[in-house]
Amino acid sequence: MNKVTLVALTSLVMSAVSFAQTNHQVGAWSIYTTTGKLAGNNMVLLQTTASVAGQTSNGPSRAVKLDVVCKNNRVFAIAVEPGSKIDKHLVSYESPVPTVHLRFDSIGMIEVSENWAVTAGGRSVTPYSQFSQGSLNREWVDRLSGTESMVLYPEGRAGDSLPQSTFNTRELTAALDAVGCTK
């Protein structure tokens, strides 16, 4: 599948309208199932909200969310919803899809700095690989599953970057098991 198409499909899948209300909670992870036409695709959204909501440059607080989507009992996509549109000055157009540079840290265990694809008109970002998207998604689930929390530091010019967000990731494995989703 064309990678640009996959990124576009992922942004549609991440749409909250596609998922029903919370069925249940596993730790910090809310679990949503698909409704309507997508119900036949056996899709599940696992979502956690940053423990401290960030502030935009204008001042209002916003919820920053980390999403893991499973399709047919396998990890399909991972995304961060920053809660507001990403500043266009942070976006790079040097790869086949628009990207933004992000840095992740987990209590000194891992530090990863990489470009994530900007999707949904700048309202979502997702890890992006031109050659092995499935492997990259599984790698991120491994990273997240092996941590108590993950800190996201969007990088950019002073005043342009999004605020730091901390996600409680300790129950991801239990949430995946609860819905029968594997890597």
N, C-alpha and C. Protein backbone atom coordinates (compact mmCIF):
# COMPACT_ATOMS: atom_id res chain seq x y z
N MET A 1 0.85 -1.18 0.00
CA MET A 1 0.00 0.00 0.00
C MET A 1 0.90 1.24 0.00
N ASN A 2 0.54 2.20 -0.79
CA ASN A 2 1.26 3.46 -0.84
C ASN A 2 1.31 4.08 0.55
N LYS A 3 2.47 4.50 1.00
CA LYS A 3 2.65 5.01 2.36
C LYS A 3 1.84 6.28 2.60
N VAL A 4 1.71 7.14 1.61
CA VAL A 4 0.91 8.35 1.79
C VAL A 4 -0.55 7.96 2.01
N THR A 5 -1.02 6.95 1.29
CA THR A 5 -2.39 6.46 1.47
C THR A 5 -2.56 5.88 2.87
N LEU A 6 -1.55 5.14 3.34
CA LEU A 6 -1.61 4.55 4.68
C LEU A 6 -1.71 5.64 5.75
N VAL A 7 -0.93 6.70 5.61
CA VAL A 7 -0.98 7.80 6.57
C VAL A 7 -2.36 8.46 6.53
N ALA A 8 -2.91 8.66 5.35
CA ALA A 8 -4.25 9.26 5.24
C ALA A 8 -5.30 8.35 5.86
N LEU A 9 -5.21 7.05 5.60
CA LEU A 9 -6.15 6.09 6.18
C LEU A 9 -6.04 6.09 7.70
N THR A 10 -4.81 6.14 8.20
CA THR A 10 -4.61 6.17 9.66
C THR A 10 -5.28 7.37 10.27
N SER A 11 -5.17 8.53 9.63
CA SER A 11 -5.79 9.73 10.20
C SER A 11 -7.31 9.60 10.21
N LEU A 12 -7.88 8.92 9.22
CA LEU A 12 -9.32 8.70 9.23
C LEU A 12 -9.72 7.73 10.33
N VAL A 13 -8.91 6.70 10.53
CA VAL A 13 -9.17 5.70 11.56
C VAL A 13 -9.13 6.35 12.93
N MET A 14 -8.25 7.32 13.13
CA MET A 14 -8.08 7.94 14.42
C MET A 14 -9.25 8.86 14.78
N SER A 15 -10.10 9.15 13.83
CA SER A 15 -11.22 10.05 14.08
C SER A 15 -12.11 9.52 15.20
N ALA A 16 -12.37 10.34 16.18
CA ALA A 16 -13.18 9.93 17.34
C ALA A 16 -14.59 9.53 16.93
N VAL A 17 -15.10 10.06 15.81
CA VAL A 17 -16.44 9.72 15.40
C VAL A 17 -16.56 8.25 15.01
N SER A 18 -15.47 7.62 14.68
CA SER A 18 -15.50 6.23 14.27
C SER A 18 -15.59 5.27 15.44
N PHE A 19 -15.37 5.73 16.64
CA PHE A 19 -15.32 4.86 17.80
C PHE A 19 -16.45 5.17 18.77
N ALA A 20 -16.99 4.12 19.39
CA ALA A 20 -18.07 4.26 20.36
C ALA A 20 -17.53 4.80 21.67
N GLN A 21 -18.43 5.03 22.62
CA GLN A 21 -18.03 5.47 23.95
C GLN A 21 -17.15 4.41 24.61
N THR A 22 -16.45 4.80 25.66
CA THR A 22 -15.55 3.90 26.36
C THR A 22 -16.28 2.65 26.84
N ASN A 23 -15.74 1.48 26.47
CA ASN A 23 -16.27 0.23 26.99
C ASN A 23 -15.75 -0.01 28.39
N HIS A 24 -14.45 0.15 28.55
CA HIS A 24 -13.85 0.00 29.87
C HIS A 24 -12.47 0.64 29.91
N GLN A 25 -11.91 0.66 31.08
CA GLN A 25 -10.64 1.31 31.36
C GLN A 25 -9.67 0.26 31.88
N VAL A 26 -8.42 0.29 31.40
CA VAL A 26 -7.36 -0.56 31.95
C VAL A 26 -6.23 0.39 32.33
N GLY A 27 -6.08 0.63 33.63
CA GLY A 27 -5.10 1.61 34.09
C GLY A 27 -5.47 2.97 33.51
N ALA A 28 -4.51 3.63 32.90
CA ALA A 28 -4.75 4.95 32.31
C ALA A 28 -5.31 4.85 30.89
N TRP A 29 -5.48 3.64 30.37
CA TRP A 29 -5.91 3.44 28.98
C TRP A 29 -7.42 3.28 28.88
N SER A 30 -8.05 4.14 28.08
CA SER A 30 -9.47 4.01 27.75
C SER A 30 -9.54 3.15 26.50
N ILE A 31 -10.54 2.27 26.47
CA ILE A 31 -10.68 1.35 25.34
C ILE A 31 -11.98 1.66 24.61
N TYR A 32 -11.88 1.94 23.30
CA TYR A 32 -13.02 2.26 22.46
C TYR A 32 -13.10 1.22 21.34
N THR A 33 -14.31 0.84 20.95
CA THR A 33 -14.49 -0.08 19.83
C THR A 33 -15.15 0.66 18.68
N THR A 34 -15.03 0.12 17.48
CA THR A 34 -15.58 0.77 16.30
C THR A 34 -17.09 0.61 16.25
N THR A 35 -17.71 1.56 15.55
CA THR A 35 -19.15 1.53 15.34
C THR A 35 -19.43 1.75 13.87
N GLY A 36 -20.65 1.60 13.46
CA GLY A 36 -21.05 1.88 12.09
C GLY A 36 -20.35 1.00 11.09
N LYS A 37 -19.98 1.58 9.95
CA LYS A 37 -19.38 0.83 8.85
C LYS A 37 -18.03 0.22 9.22
N LEU A 38 -17.31 0.84 10.17
CA LEU A 38 -16.00 0.32 10.54
C LEU A 38 -16.08 -0.88 11.49
N ALA A 39 -17.26 -1.17 12.05
CA ALA A 39 -17.39 -2.25 13.03
C ALA A 39 -16.94 -3.59 12.45
N GLY A 40 -17.16 -3.82 11.17
CA GLY A 40 -16.75 -5.07 10.52
C GLY A 40 -15.24 -5.21 10.41
N ASN A 41 -14.50 -4.12 10.58
CA ASN A 41 -13.04 -4.17 10.50
C ASN A 41 -12.38 -4.60 11.80
N ASN A 42 -13.19 -4.83 12.84
CA ASN A 42 -12.67 -5.27 14.13
C ASN A 42 -11.55 -4.35 14.61
N MET A 43 -11.87 -3.06 14.73
CA MET A 43 -10.89 -2.07 15.16
C MET A 43 -11.15 -1.63 16.59
N VAL A 44 -10.07 -1.42 17.32
CA VAL A 44 -10.13 -0.98 18.71
C VAL A 44 -9.13 0.15 18.90
N LEU A 45 -9.54 1.19 19.63
CA LEU A 45 -8.67 2.31 19.96
C LEU A 45 -8.34 2.25 21.45
N LEU A 46 -7.06 2.23 21.78
CA LEU A 46 -6.58 2.35 23.16
C LEU A 46 -6.02 3.76 23.26
N GLN A 47 -6.48 4.52 24.26
CA GLN A 47 -6.09 5.93 24.33
C GLN A 47 -5.79 6.33 25.77
N THR A 48 -4.68 7.04 25.95
CA THR A 48 -4.36 7.61 27.25
C THR A 48 -4.11 9.11 27.05
N THR A 49 -4.46 9.87 28.06
CA THR A 49 -4.30 11.32 28.01
C THR A 49 -3.09 11.71 28.84
N ALA A 50 -2.36 12.72 28.37
CA ALA A 50 -1.18 13.19 29.11
C ALA A 50 -1.58 13.55 30.53
N SER A 51 -0.73 13.20 31.49
CA SER A 51 -1.05 13.42 32.90
C SER A 51 -1.14 14.90 33.25
N VAL A 52 -0.43 15.74 32.53
CA VAL A 52 -0.51 17.19 32.73
C VAL A 52 -0.82 17.80 31.37
N ALA A 53 -1.99 18.41 31.25
CA ALA A 53 -2.35 19.03 29.98
C ALA A 53 -1.42 20.19 29.69
N GLY A 54 -1.03 20.32 28.43
CA GLY A 54 -0.12 21.40 28.04
C GLY A 54 -0.84 22.71 27.88
N GLN A 55 -0.09 23.75 27.76
CA GLN A 55 -0.63 25.08 27.51
C GLN A 55 -0.22 25.49 26.11
N THR A 56 -1.12 26.04 25.35
CA THR A 56 -0.76 26.60 24.06
C THR A 56 -0.21 27.99 24.30
N SER A 57 0.36 28.58 23.28
CA SER A 57 0.93 29.92 23.45
C SER A 57 -0.17 30.94 23.80
N ASN A 58 -1.41 30.65 23.45
CA ASN A 58 -2.52 31.55 23.78
C ASN A 58 -3.02 31.35 25.20
N GLY A 59 -2.62 30.27 25.88
CA GLY A 59 -2.99 30.08 27.26
C GLY A 59 -4.00 28.99 27.58
N PRO A 60 -4.95 28.64 26.70
CA PRO A 60 -5.94 27.64 27.13
C PRO A 60 -5.31 26.24 27.24
N SER A 61 -5.76 25.48 28.25
CA SER A 61 -5.23 24.13 28.39
C SER A 61 -5.89 23.22 27.35
N ARG A 62 -5.23 22.13 27.02
CA ARG A 62 -5.73 21.20 26.02
C ARG A 62 -5.30 19.80 26.39
N ALA A 63 -6.06 18.83 25.96
CA ALA A 63 -5.73 17.43 26.24
C ALA A 63 -4.83 16.90 25.14
N VAL A 64 -3.72 16.31 25.52
CA VAL A 64 -2.81 15.67 24.59
C VAL A 64 -3.00 14.17 24.77
N LYS A 65 -3.25 13.45 23.68
CA LYS A 65 -3.60 12.03 23.77
C LYS A 65 -2.61 11.17 23.00
N LEU A 66 -2.38 9.98 23.52
CA LEU A 66 -1.56 8.95 22.87
C LEU A 66 -2.50 7.82 22.49
N ASP A 67 -2.53 7.45 21.21
CA ASP A 67 -3.45 6.44 20.70
C ASP A 67 -2.70 5.23 20.16
N VAL A 68 -3.25 4.05 20.42
CA VAL A 68 -2.79 2.80 19.80
C VAL A 68 -4.03 2.19 19.17
N VAL A 69 -3.99 1.93 17.85
CA VAL A 69 -5.13 1.36 17.15
C VAL A 69 -4.80 -0.08 16.78
N CYS A 70 -5.74 -0.98 17.08
CA CYS A 70 -5.62 -2.38 16.69
C CYS A 70 -6.66 -2.67 15.62
N LYS A 71 -6.27 -3.41 14.60
CA LYS A 71 -7.18 -3.84 13.55
C LYS A 71 -7.03 -5.34 13.40
N ASN A 72 -8.13 -6.06 13.47
CA ASN A 72 -8.11 -7.53 13.38
C ASN A 72 -7.11 -8.13 14.35
N ASN A 73 -7.13 -7.60 15.59
CA ASN A 73 -6.33 -8.11 16.71
C ASN A 73 -4.82 -7.93 16.54
N ARG A 74 -4.40 -6.99 15.71
CA ARG A 74 -2.98 -6.66 15.53
C ARG A 74 -2.82 -5.15 15.63
N VAL A 75 -1.66 -4.71 16.14
CA VAL A 75 -1.39 -3.27 16.19
C VAL A 75 -1.36 -2.73 14.77
N PHE A 76 -2.15 -1.69 14.52
CA PHE A 76 -2.27 -1.11 13.19
C PHE A 76 -1.62 0.26 13.10
N ALA A 77 -1.77 1.07 14.15
CA ALA A 77 -1.25 2.43 14.11
C ALA A 77 -1.03 2.98 15.52
N ILE A 78 -0.14 3.95 15.60
CA ILE A 78 0.14 4.68 16.83
C ILE A 78 0.11 6.16 16.46
N ALA A 79 -0.46 6.98 17.33
CA ALA A 79 -0.52 8.41 17.03
C ALA A 79 -0.54 9.22 18.31
N VAL A 80 -0.12 10.47 18.19
CA VAL A 80 -0.24 11.45 19.26
C VAL A 80 -1.16 12.54 18.72
N GLU A 81 -2.18 12.87 19.51
CA GLU A 81 -3.07 13.98 19.18
C GLU A 81 -2.68 15.15 20.09
N PRO A 82 -2.03 16.18 19.56
CA PRO A 82 -1.54 17.27 20.40
C PRO A 82 -2.63 18.18 20.96
N GLY A 83 -3.87 18.02 20.54
CA GLY A 83 -4.95 18.83 21.10
C GLY A 83 -5.18 20.13 20.38
N SER A 84 -4.24 20.54 19.57
CA SER A 84 -4.41 21.72 18.72
C SER A 84 -3.56 21.49 17.48
N LYS A 85 -3.83 22.26 16.47
CA LYS A 85 -3.12 22.10 15.20
C LYS A 85 -1.64 22.43 15.37
N ILE A 86 -0.79 21.61 14.77
CA ILE A 86 0.66 21.83 14.84
C ILE A 86 1.03 23.06 14.03
N ASP A 87 1.84 23.92 14.63
CA ASP A 87 2.29 25.14 13.96
C ASP A 87 2.98 24.77 12.65
N LYS A 88 2.57 25.38 11.56
CA LYS A 88 3.12 25.06 10.24
C LYS A 88 4.62 25.34 10.14
N HIS A 89 5.15 26.18 11.02
CA HIS A 89 6.59 26.46 10.99
C HIS A 89 7.42 25.29 11.53
N LEU A 90 6.78 24.37 12.26
CA LEU A 90 7.46 23.19 12.79
C LEU A 90 7.49 22.04 11.78
N VAL A 91 6.66 22.13 10.75
CA VAL A 91 6.49 21.04 9.79
C VAL A 91 7.56 21.11 8.71
N SER A 92 8.16 19.94 8.43
CA SER A 92 9.14 19.80 7.36
C SER A 92 8.47 19.09 6.18
N TYR A 93 8.80 19.51 4.97
CA TYR A 93 8.25 18.89 3.77
C TYR A 93 9.34 18.21 2.96
N GLU A 94 10.39 17.75 3.63
CA GLU A 94 11.52 17.14 2.94
C GLU A 94 11.33 15.66 2.64
N SER A 95 10.33 15.01 3.23
CA SER A 95 10.07 13.60 2.95
C SER A 95 8.75 13.49 2.18
N PRO A 96 8.36 12.29 1.78
CA PRO A 96 7.13 12.14 0.99
C PRO A 96 5.86 12.62 1.70
N VAL A 97 5.90 12.68 3.03
CA VAL A 97 4.76 13.21 3.80
C VAL A 97 5.28 14.31 4.71
N PRO A 98 4.45 15.27 5.10
CA PRO A 98 4.90 16.30 6.04
C PRO A 98 5.26 15.66 7.38
N THR A 99 6.34 16.14 8.01
CA THR A 99 6.79 15.57 9.28
C THR A 99 7.09 16.68 10.29
N VAL A 100 7.14 16.28 11.56
CA VAL A 100 7.55 17.15 12.64
C VAL A 100 8.54 16.35 13.50
N HIS A 101 9.55 17.03 14.03
CA HIS A 101 10.57 16.34 14.82
C HIS A 101 10.14 16.26 16.29
N LEU A 102 10.15 15.02 16.83
CA LEU A 102 9.75 14.79 18.22
C LEU A 102 10.85 14.06 18.97
N ARG A 103 10.90 14.29 20.27
CA ARG A 103 11.84 13.58 21.15
C ARG A 103 11.05 12.94 22.27
N PHE A 104 11.36 11.68 22.57
CA PHE A 104 10.68 10.93 23.62
C PHE A 104 11.70 10.48 24.64
N ASP A 105 11.29 10.44 25.91
CA ASP A 105 12.16 10.00 26.98
C ASP A 105 11.33 9.24 28.00
N SER A 106 11.93 8.22 28.60
CA SER A 106 11.23 7.45 29.62
C SER A 106 12.14 7.22 30.81
N ILE A 107 12.05 8.06 31.78
CA ILE A 107 12.80 7.96 33.04
C ILE A 107 14.21 7.42 32.81
N GLY A 108 14.90 8.02 31.87
CA GLY A 108 16.29 7.65 31.60
C GLY A 108 16.49 6.32 30.89
N MET A 109 15.41 5.56 30.66
CA MET A 109 15.55 4.25 30.04
C MET A 109 15.81 4.35 28.54
N ILE A 110 15.00 5.14 27.85
CA ILE A 110 15.20 5.31 26.42
C ILE A 110 15.05 6.79 26.07
N GLU A 111 15.76 7.18 25.06
CA GLU A 111 15.56 8.49 24.48
C GLU A 111 15.59 8.31 22.98
N VAL A 112 14.52 8.72 22.34
CA VAL A 112 14.38 8.55 20.90
C VAL A 112 14.05 9.91 20.32
N SER A 113 14.70 10.25 19.24
CA SER A 113 14.42 11.50 18.55
C SER A 113 14.21 11.15 17.08
N GLU A 114 13.03 11.44 16.55
CA GLU A 114 12.76 11.08 15.16
C GLU A 114 11.64 11.94 14.59
N ASN A 115 11.49 11.86 13.28
CA ASN A 115 10.43 12.59 12.60
C ASN A 115 9.17 11.74 12.56
N TRP A 116 8.03 12.36 12.89
CA TRP A 116 6.73 11.70 12.82
C TRP A 116 5.90 12.40 11.75
N ALA A 117 5.08 11.64 11.03
CA ALA A 117 4.22 12.19 9.99
C ALA A 117 3.11 13.03 10.60
N VAL A 118 2.85 14.15 9.98
CA VAL A 118 1.76 15.04 10.40
C VAL A 118 0.52 14.62 9.62
N THR A 119 -0.56 14.25 10.33
CA THR A 119 -1.79 13.79 9.69
C THR A 119 -2.97 14.60 10.18
N ALA A 120 -4.12 14.32 9.61
CA ALA A 120 -5.38 14.95 10.01
C ALA A 120 -5.28 16.48 10.01
N GLY A 121 -4.65 17.02 9.00
CA GLY A 121 -4.55 18.47 8.89
C GLY A 121 -3.76 19.12 10.01
N GLY A 122 -2.80 18.39 10.60
CA GLY A 122 -1.96 18.93 11.66
C GLY A 122 -2.49 18.66 13.06
N ARG A 123 -3.55 17.88 13.19
CA ARG A 123 -4.14 17.59 14.49
C ARG A 123 -3.69 16.24 15.06
N SER A 124 -2.80 15.55 14.35
CA SER A 124 -2.31 14.25 14.79
C SER A 124 -0.94 14.02 14.17
N VAL A 125 -0.10 13.27 14.89
CA VAL A 125 1.20 12.85 14.34
C VAL A 125 1.34 11.35 14.60
N THR A 126 2.05 10.69 13.70
CA THR A 126 2.20 9.24 13.80
C THR A 126 3.60 8.85 13.35
N PRO A 127 4.18 7.78 13.91
CA PRO A 127 5.50 7.36 13.42
C PRO A 127 5.37 7.02 11.94
N TYR A 128 6.41 7.29 11.19
CA TYR A 128 6.34 7.10 9.74
C TYR A 128 7.59 6.41 9.22
N SER A 129 7.36 5.38 8.43
CA SER A 129 8.46 4.70 7.75
C SER A 129 8.05 4.50 6.30
N GLN A 130 8.94 4.82 5.39
CA GLN A 130 8.66 4.62 3.98
C GLN A 130 8.67 3.14 3.62
N PHE A 131 9.38 2.33 4.39
CA PHE A 131 9.59 0.95 3.98
C PHE A 131 8.96 -0.10 4.89
N SER A 132 8.84 0.15 6.18
CA SER A 132 8.34 -0.89 7.08
C SER A 132 7.49 -0.30 8.21
N GLN A 133 6.31 0.20 7.85
CA GLN A 133 5.42 0.83 8.82
C GLN A 133 5.02 -0.13 9.92
N GLY A 134 4.69 -1.37 9.57
CA GLY A 134 4.28 -2.35 10.56
C GLY A 134 5.36 -2.61 11.59
N SER A 135 6.61 -2.75 11.14
CA SER A 135 7.73 -2.96 12.07
C SER A 135 7.92 -1.77 12.99
N LEU A 136 7.78 -0.57 12.45
CA LEU A 136 7.94 0.64 13.26
C LEU A 136 6.84 0.73 14.32
N ASN A 137 5.60 0.40 13.96
CA ASN A 137 4.51 0.41 14.94
C ASN A 137 4.78 -0.61 16.04
N ARG A 138 5.23 -1.82 15.69
CA ARG A 138 5.54 -2.85 16.71
C ARG A 138 6.69 -2.39 17.60
N GLU A 139 7.69 -1.73 17.02
CA GLU A 139 8.81 -1.20 17.81
C GLU A 139 8.32 -0.18 18.83
N TRP A 140 7.38 0.69 18.41
CA TRP A 140 6.86 1.69 19.34
C TRP A 140 6.02 1.05 20.44
N VAL A 141 5.27 0.01 20.12
CA VAL A 141 4.50 -0.69 21.17
C VAL A 141 5.46 -1.32 22.16
N ASP A 142 6.57 -1.89 21.68
CA ASP A 142 7.59 -2.45 22.59
C ASP A 142 8.17 -1.36 23.48
N ARG A 143 8.49 -0.21 22.90
CA ARG A 143 9.04 0.90 23.68
C ARG A 143 8.06 1.35 24.76
N LEU A 144 6.81 1.53 24.37
CA LEU A 144 5.80 2.02 25.30
C LEU A 144 5.47 0.98 26.37
N SER A 145 5.43 -0.29 25.98
CA SER A 145 5.09 -1.36 26.93
C SER A 145 6.16 -1.55 27.99
N GLY A 146 7.38 -1.24 27.68
CA GLY A 146 8.47 -1.45 28.62
C GLY A 146 8.74 -0.27 29.53
N THR A 147 7.78 0.66 29.64
CA THR A 147 8.01 1.87 30.43
C THR A 147 6.85 2.13 31.40
N GLU A 148 7.14 2.91 32.42
CA GLU A 148 6.10 3.38 33.35
C GLU A 148 5.42 4.63 32.78
N SER A 149 6.22 5.46 32.13
CA SER A 149 5.69 6.68 31.53
C SER A 149 6.58 7.08 30.36
N MET A 150 6.02 7.88 29.47
CA MET A 150 6.75 8.35 28.31
C MET A 150 6.56 9.86 28.24
N VAL A 151 7.65 10.60 28.10
CA VAL A 151 7.61 12.06 28.00
C VAL A 151 7.86 12.45 26.55
N LEU A 152 7.01 13.28 26.02
CA LEU A 152 7.11 13.75 24.65
C LEU A 152 7.58 15.20 24.66
N TYR A 153 8.66 15.46 23.91
CA TYR A 153 9.21 16.82 23.79
C TYR A 153 9.21 17.20 22.31
N PRO A 154 8.17 17.88 21.81
CA PRO A 154 8.24 18.35 20.42
C PRO A 154 9.35 19.39 20.30
N GLU A 155 10.11 19.30 19.23
CA GLU A 155 11.24 20.22 19.05
C GLU A 155 10.91 21.27 18.01
N GLY A 156 11.46 22.44 18.19
CA GLY A 156 11.24 23.54 17.27
C GLY A 156 11.87 24.80 17.82
N ARG A 157 11.61 25.90 17.15
CA ARG A 157 12.12 27.18 17.62
C ARG A 157 11.47 27.54 18.95
N ALA A 158 12.18 28.31 19.75
CA ALA A 158 11.63 28.76 21.03
C ALA A 158 10.30 29.48 20.79
N GLY A 159 9.30 29.12 21.55
CA GLY A 159 7.99 29.73 21.41
C GLY A 159 7.11 29.05 20.38
N ASP A 160 7.69 28.23 19.49
CA ASP A 160 6.92 27.56 18.46
C ASP A 160 6.61 26.11 18.82
N SER A 161 7.41 25.52 19.68
CA SER A 161 7.23 24.09 19.95
C SER A 161 6.04 23.85 20.87
N LEU A 162 5.50 22.64 20.77
CA LEU A 162 4.40 22.25 21.64
C LEU A 162 4.96 21.94 23.01
N PRO A 163 4.14 22.07 24.06
CA PRO A 163 4.65 21.81 25.40
C PRO A 163 4.93 20.32 25.62
N GLN A 164 5.77 20.05 26.60
CA GLN A 164 6.11 18.69 27.00
C GLN A 164 4.86 18.00 27.55
N SER A 165 4.68 16.72 27.20
CA SER A 165 3.54 15.96 27.68
C SER A 165 4.04 14.64 28.25
N THR A 166 3.47 14.20 29.38
CA THR A 166 3.86 12.93 30.01
C THR A 166 2.68 11.98 30.00
N PHE A 167 2.90 10.79 29.43
CA PHE A 167 1.85 9.78 29.33
C PHE A 167 2.14 8.62 30.27
N ASN A 168 1.12 8.14 30.97
CA ASN A 168 1.21 6.96 31.81
C ASN A 168 1.07 5.76 30.87
N THR A 169 2.13 4.99 30.68
CA THR A 169 2.13 3.88 29.72
C THR A 169 2.22 2.52 30.39
N ARG A 170 2.23 2.47 31.72
CA ARG A 170 2.53 1.21 32.41
C ARG A 170 1.54 0.09 32.16
N GLU A 171 0.29 0.36 31.85
CA GLU A 171 -0.71 -0.70 31.66
C GLU A 171 -1.00 -1.00 30.19
N LEU A 172 -0.13 -0.57 29.26
CA LEU A 172 -0.40 -0.81 27.85
C LEU A 172 -0.49 -2.30 27.54
N THR A 173 0.41 -3.11 28.05
CA THR A 173 0.37 -4.54 27.78
C THR A 173 -0.93 -5.14 28.27
N ALA A 174 -1.39 -4.76 29.45
CA ALA A 174 -2.65 -5.27 29.99
C ALA A 174 -3.83 -4.82 29.13
N ALA A 175 -3.81 -3.58 28.65
CA ALA A 175 -4.88 -3.08 27.78
C ALA A 175 -4.91 -3.83 26.45
N LEU A 176 -3.72 -4.07 25.88
CA LEU A 176 -3.65 -4.85 24.64
C LEU A 176 -4.19 -6.26 24.85
N ASP A 177 -3.79 -6.88 25.96
CA ASP A 177 -4.28 -8.23 26.29
C ASP A 177 -5.80 -8.24 26.48
N ALA A 178 -6.35 -7.19 27.09
CA ALA A 178 -7.78 -7.11 27.36
C ALA A 178 -8.62 -7.12 26.08
N VAL A 179 -8.06 -6.60 25.01
CA VAL A 179 -8.79 -6.57 23.74
C VAL A 179 -8.30 -7.62 22.75
N GLY A 180 -7.35 -8.45 23.18
CA GLY A 180 -6.84 -9.52 22.32
C GLY A 180 -5.97 -9.02 21.18
N CYS A 181 -5.28 -7.91 21.40
CA CYS A 181 -4.45 -7.32 20.36
C CYS A 181 -2.99 -7.72 20.56
N THR A 182 -2.35 -8.16 19.49
CA THR A 182 -0.94 -8.53 19.55
C THR A 182 -0.13 -7.61 18.65
N LYS A 183 1.17 -7.66 18.84
CA LYS A 183 2.06 -6.83 18.02
C LYS A 183 2.20 -7.48 16.68
